[in-house]
Amino acid sequence: VINTSYTVSTCSNGLECLEILHRFTPDLIFLDINMPLMDGKECLIKIRNSAALNDVKVVMCSTSINTTDAQLFDSLNARYLTKPSA
């Protein structure tokens, strides 16, 4: 039996993301790299520094990811994908 019921939460910046993550632990997090107040890279680092969130799967998204970012994401056990630019 496949569970087709999902709970989805959205946020508009990294600080809001971390606030949401204090209330529940998701199975998967999608983070845009470019967000206001706290970017996705800083948010990912804070997620990985949290014992409660360290094992959550994270996918980083951006219109372009440079080599340095890709290496950082790999070192923090996050996957990344590029999304089409507008």
Protein backbone atom coordinates (compact mmCIF):
# COMPACT_ATOMS: atom_id res chain seq x y z
CA VAL A 1 0.00 0.00 0.00
CA ILE A 2 1.38 3.36 -1.01
CA ASN A 3 0.60 6.32 1.18
CA THR A 4 -0.57 9.13 -1.08
CA SER A 5 -1.17 11.58 1.75
CA TYR A 6 1.47 14.27 2.09
CA THR A 7 1.88 17.31 4.27
CA VAL A 8 3.61 20.17 2.50
CA SER A 9 4.87 23.32 4.20
CA THR A 10 6.31 26.29 2.38
CA CYS A 11 8.38 29.23 3.46
CA SER A 12 9.77 32.33 1.80
CA ASN A 13 13.21 32.50 3.42
CA GLY A 14 15.75 30.49 5.36
CA LEU A 15 14.79 31.88 8.76
CA GLU A 16 11.16 30.89 8.25
CA CYS A 17 12.33 27.45 7.15
CA LEU A 18 14.25 26.92 10.39
CA GLU A 19 11.23 28.09 12.41
CA ILE A 20 9.04 25.51 10.67
CA LEU A 21 11.65 22.81 11.26
CA HIS A 22 11.42 23.41 15.03
CA ARG A 23 7.79 22.24 14.86
CA PHE A 24 8.21 19.03 12.86
CA THR A 25 10.80 16.93 11.05
CA PRO A 26 10.04 16.38 7.36
CA ASP A 27 11.15 13.49 5.20
CA LEU A 28 12.51 15.82 2.52
CA ILE A 29 13.48 19.50 2.26
CA PHE A 30 13.79 21.47 -0.98
CA LEU A 31 15.85 24.64 -0.52
CA ASP A 32 16.37 27.38 -3.07
CA ILE A 33 19.89 28.76 -2.85
CA ASN A 34 18.81 32.37 -3.34
CA MET A 35 16.37 33.37 -0.59
CA PRO A 36 16.03 36.59 1.38
CA LEU A 37 17.11 37.00 5.03
CA MET A 38 19.04 33.71 5.04
CA ASP A 39 20.09 31.95 1.87
CA GLY A 40 19.77 28.24 1.26
CA LYS A 41 23.45 27.52 1.85
CA GLU A 42 23.40 29.01 5.34
CA CYS A 43 20.10 27.29 6.07
CA LEU A 44 21.54 23.93 4.94
CA ILE A 45 24.55 24.38 7.23
CA LYS A 46 22.23 25.07 10.19
CA ILE A 47 20.13 22.03 9.29
CA ARG A 48 23.21 19.82 9.19
CA ASN A 49 24.41 21.22 12.53
CA SER A 50 21.13 20.16 14.16
CA ALA A 51 21.16 16.65 15.60
CA ALA A 52 17.40 16.38 15.06
CA LEU A 53 17.64 17.35 11.36
CA ASN A 54 21.04 16.03 10.34
CA ASP A 55 19.66 12.94 8.59
CA VAL A 56 16.83 14.66 6.69
CA LYS A 57 17.24 14.47 2.93
CA VAL A 58 17.86 17.90 1.38
CA VAL A 59 17.72 18.95 -2.26
CA MET A 60 19.22 22.32 -3.17
CA CYS A 61 17.69 24.13 -6.15
CA SER A 62 19.01 27.00 -8.26
CA THR A 63 19.11 28.27 -11.82
CA SER A 64 22.87 27.68 -11.69
CA ILE A 65 25.16 25.93 -9.28
CA ASN A 66 28.87 26.62 -9.39
CA THR A 67 31.58 24.07 -8.61
CA THR A 68 32.22 25.48 -5.14
CA ASP A 69 28.52 25.22 -4.25
CA ALA A 70 28.31 21.69 -5.64
CA GLN A 71 31.28 20.63 -3.50
CA LEU A 72 29.73 22.23 -0.41
CA PHE A 73 26.42 20.46 -1.00
CA ASP A 74 28.18 17.14 -1.50
CA SER A 75 30.16 17.62 1.72
CA LEU A 76 26.90 18.34 3.59
CA ASN A 77 25.15 15.29 2.11
CA ALA A 78 22.69 17.32 0.06
CA ARG A 79 21.72 16.77 -3.54
CA TYR A 80 21.29 19.58 -5.98
CA LEU A 81 19.45 20.25 -9.16
CA THR A 82 19.33 23.14 -11.52
CA LYS A 83 15.97 24.59 -12.39
CA PRO A 84 15.16 26.40 -15.61
CA SER A 85 15.70 30.14 -15.53
CA ALA A 86 12.73 32.36 -16.27
